[in-house]
């Protein structure tokens, strides 16, 4: 409803309105978030003990897998066009 998009006194909300299903857009979805202060954000990051090296390895492996899939699909495409 339009009331869900109105400003709420004393609250710091951000609301995203999107449509679904793709291409049909007969339904509306509202996603509402509220601002958190930076001290809470730091505490939450400290709770998640993710080593930056592990994240780097993950992204490198992800890129290798995508490149391999691209190589296989382009090779099949070349074989079909011969």
C-alpha atoms as a PDB file:
ATOM      1  CA  UNK A   1       0.000   0.000   0.000  1.00  0.00           C
ATOM      2  CA  UNK A   2       1.016   3.611  -0.422  1.00  0.00           C
ATOM      3  CA  UNK A   3       0.915   4.058   3.364  1.00  0.00           C
ATOM      4  CA  UNK A   4       3.909   1.718   3.652  1.00  0.00           C
ATOM      5  CA  UNK A   5       5.992   4.191   1.620  1.00  0.00           C
ATOM      6  CA  UNK A   6       5.221   7.230   3.773  1.00  0.00           C
ATOM      7  CA  UNK A   7       7.774   8.848   6.085  1.00  0.00           C
ATOM      8  CA  UNK A   8       7.555   7.525   9.645  1.00  0.00           C
ATOM      9  CA  UNK A   9       8.165  10.177  12.289  1.00  0.00           C
ATOM     10  CA  UNK A  10      11.277   9.438  14.338  1.00  0.00           C
ATOM     11  CA  UNK A  11      12.394   6.522  12.152  1.00  0.00           C
ATOM     12  CA  UNK A  12      15.201   6.356   9.574  1.00  0.00           C
ATOM     13  CA  UNK A  13      13.850   3.923   6.993  1.00  0.00           C
ATOM     14  CA  UNK A  14      14.734   3.228   3.385  1.00  0.00           C
ATOM     15  CA  UNK A  15      12.149   1.309   1.369  1.00  0.00           C
ATOM     16  CA  UNK A  16      12.798  -0.389  -1.967  1.00  0.00           C
ATOM     17  CA  UNK A  17       9.785  -1.100  -4.124  1.00  0.00           C
ATOM     18  CA  UNK A  18      10.191  -3.670  -6.864  1.00  0.00           C
ATOM     19  CA  UNK A  19       7.907  -5.631  -9.153  1.00  0.00           C
ATOM     20  CA  UNK A  20       7.543  -9.356  -9.751  1.00  0.00           C
ATOM     21  CA  UNK A  21       7.354 -11.700 -11.671  1.00  0.00           C
ATOM     22  CA  UNK A  22       9.913 -10.575 -14.196  1.00  0.00           C
ATOM     23  CA  UNK A  23       8.324  -9.307 -17.390  1.00  0.00           C
ATOM     24  CA  UNK A  24       4.779  -9.488 -15.984  1.00  0.00           C
ATOM     25  CA  UNK A  25       5.108  -7.103 -13.016  1.00  0.00           C
ATOM     26  CA  UNK A  26       1.701  -7.861 -11.525  1.00  0.00           C
ATOM     27  CA  UNK A  27       2.882  -7.893  -7.902  1.00  0.00           C
ATOM     28  CA  UNK A  28       4.767  -5.354  -5.814  1.00  0.00           C
ATOM     29  CA  UNK A  29       7.395  -6.176  -3.223  1.00  0.00           C
ATOM     30  CA  UNK A  30       8.505  -3.739  -0.546  1.00  0.00           C
ATOM     31  CA  UNK A  31      11.833  -4.212   1.188  1.00  0.00           C
ATOM     32  CA  UNK A  32      12.388  -1.935   4.158  1.00  0.00           C
ATOM     33  CA  UNK A  33      15.651  -1.348   5.945  1.00  0.00           C
ATOM     34  CA  UNK A  34      16.717   0.913   8.746  1.00  0.00           C
ATOM     35  CA  UNK A  35      19.998   2.695   9.335  1.00  0.00           C
ATOM     36  CA  UNK A  36      22.423   1.177  11.793  1.00  0.00           C
ATOM     37  CA  UNK A  37      25.224   3.100  13.423  1.00  0.00           C
ATOM     38  CA  UNK A  38      28.840   2.307  12.606  1.00  0.00           C
ATOM     39  CA  UNK A  39      29.640   0.925  16.041  1.00  0.00           C
ATOM     40  CA  UNK A  40      27.074  -1.851  15.547  1.00  0.00           C
ATOM     41  CA  UNK A  41      28.517  -2.515  12.105  1.00  0.00           C
ATOM     42  CA  UNK A  42      32.034  -2.935  13.511  1.00  0.00           C
ATOM     43  CA  UNK A  43      30.790  -5.316  16.174  1.00  0.00           C
ATOM     44  CA  UNK A  44      29.009  -7.433  13.580  1.00  0.00           C
ATOM     45  CA  UNK A  45      32.092  -7.553  11.357  1.00  0.00           C
ATOM     46  CA  UNK A  46      34.143  -8.677  14.336  1.00  0.00           C
ATOM     47  CA  UNK A  47      31.712 -11.535  14.913  1.00  0.00           C
ATOM     48  CA  UNK A  48      32.333 -12.831  11.402  1.00  0.00           C
ATOM     49  CA  UNK A  49      35.901 -14.120  11.406  1.00  0.00           C
ATOM     50  CA  UNK A  50      36.558 -14.248   7.664  1.00  0.00           C
ATOM     51  CA  UNK A  51      40.185 -14.175   6.654  1.00  0.00           C
ATOM     52  CA  UNK A  52      40.757 -11.824   3.684  1.00  0.00           C
ATOM     53  CA  UNK A  53      43.105 -14.414   2.146  1.00  0.00           C
ATOM     54  CA  UNK A  54      40.274 -16.954   2.074  1.00  0.00           C
ATOM     55  CA  UNK A  55      38.053 -14.432   0.297  1.00  0.00           C
ATOM     56  CA  UNK A  56      40.808 -13.751  -2.265  1.00  0.00           C
ATOM     57  CA  UNK A  57      41.192 -17.486  -2.915  1.00  0.00           C
ATOM     58  CA  UNK A  58      37.430 -17.823  -3.300  1.00  0.00           C
ATOM     59  CA  UNK A  59      37.259 -15.043  -5.926  1.00  0.00           C
ATOM     60  CA  UNK A  60      40.268 -16.429  -7.806  1.00  0.00           C
ATOM     61  CA  UNK A  61      38.686 -19.900  -7.935  1.00  0.00           C
ATOM     62  CA  UNK A  62      35.377 -18.372  -8.994  1.00  0.00           C
ATOM     63  CA  UNK A  63      37.095 -16.520 -11.870  1.00  0.00           C
ATOM     64  CA  UNK A  64      38.893 -19.708 -12.949  1.00  0.00           C
ATOM     65  CA  UNK A  65      35.631 -21.664 -12.996  1.00  0.00           C
ATOM     66  CA  UNK A  66      33.887 -18.951 -15.036  1.00  0.00           C
ATOM     67  CA  UNK A  67      36.809 -18.839 -17.487  1.00  0.00           C
ATOM     68  CA  UNK A  68      36.720 -22.637 -17.816  1.00  0.00           C
ATOM     69  CA  UNK A  69      32.970 -22.651 -18.498  1.00  0.00           C
ATOM     70  CA  UNK A  70      33.439 -19.880 -21.061  1.00  0.00           C
ATOM     71  CA  UNK A  71      36.235 -21.875 -22.726  1.00  0.00           C
ATOM     72  CA  UNK A  72      34.101 -25.007 -22.945  1.00  0.00           C
ATOM     73  CA  UNK A  73      31.088 -23.197 -24.340  1.00  0.00           C
ATOM     74  CA  UNK A  74      33.127 -21.267 -26.910  1.00  0.00           C
ATOM     75  CA  UNK A  75      34.863 -24.493 -27.999  1.00  0.00           C
ATOM     76  CA  UNK A  76      31.494 -26.210 -28.518  1.00  0.00           C
ATOM     77  CA  UNK A  77      30.264 -23.183 -30.443  1.00  0.00           C
ATOM     78  CA  UNK A  78      33.276 -23.349 -32.757  1.00  0.00           C
ATOM     79  CA  UNK A  79      32.667 -27.071 -33.381  1.00  0.00           C
ATOM     80  CA  UNK A  80      29.008 -26.432 -34.272  1.00  0.00           C
ATOM     81  CA  UNK A  81      29.814 -23.709 -36.793  1.00  0.00           C
ATOM     82  CA  UNK A  82      32.301 -25.884 -38.757  1.00  0.00           C
END
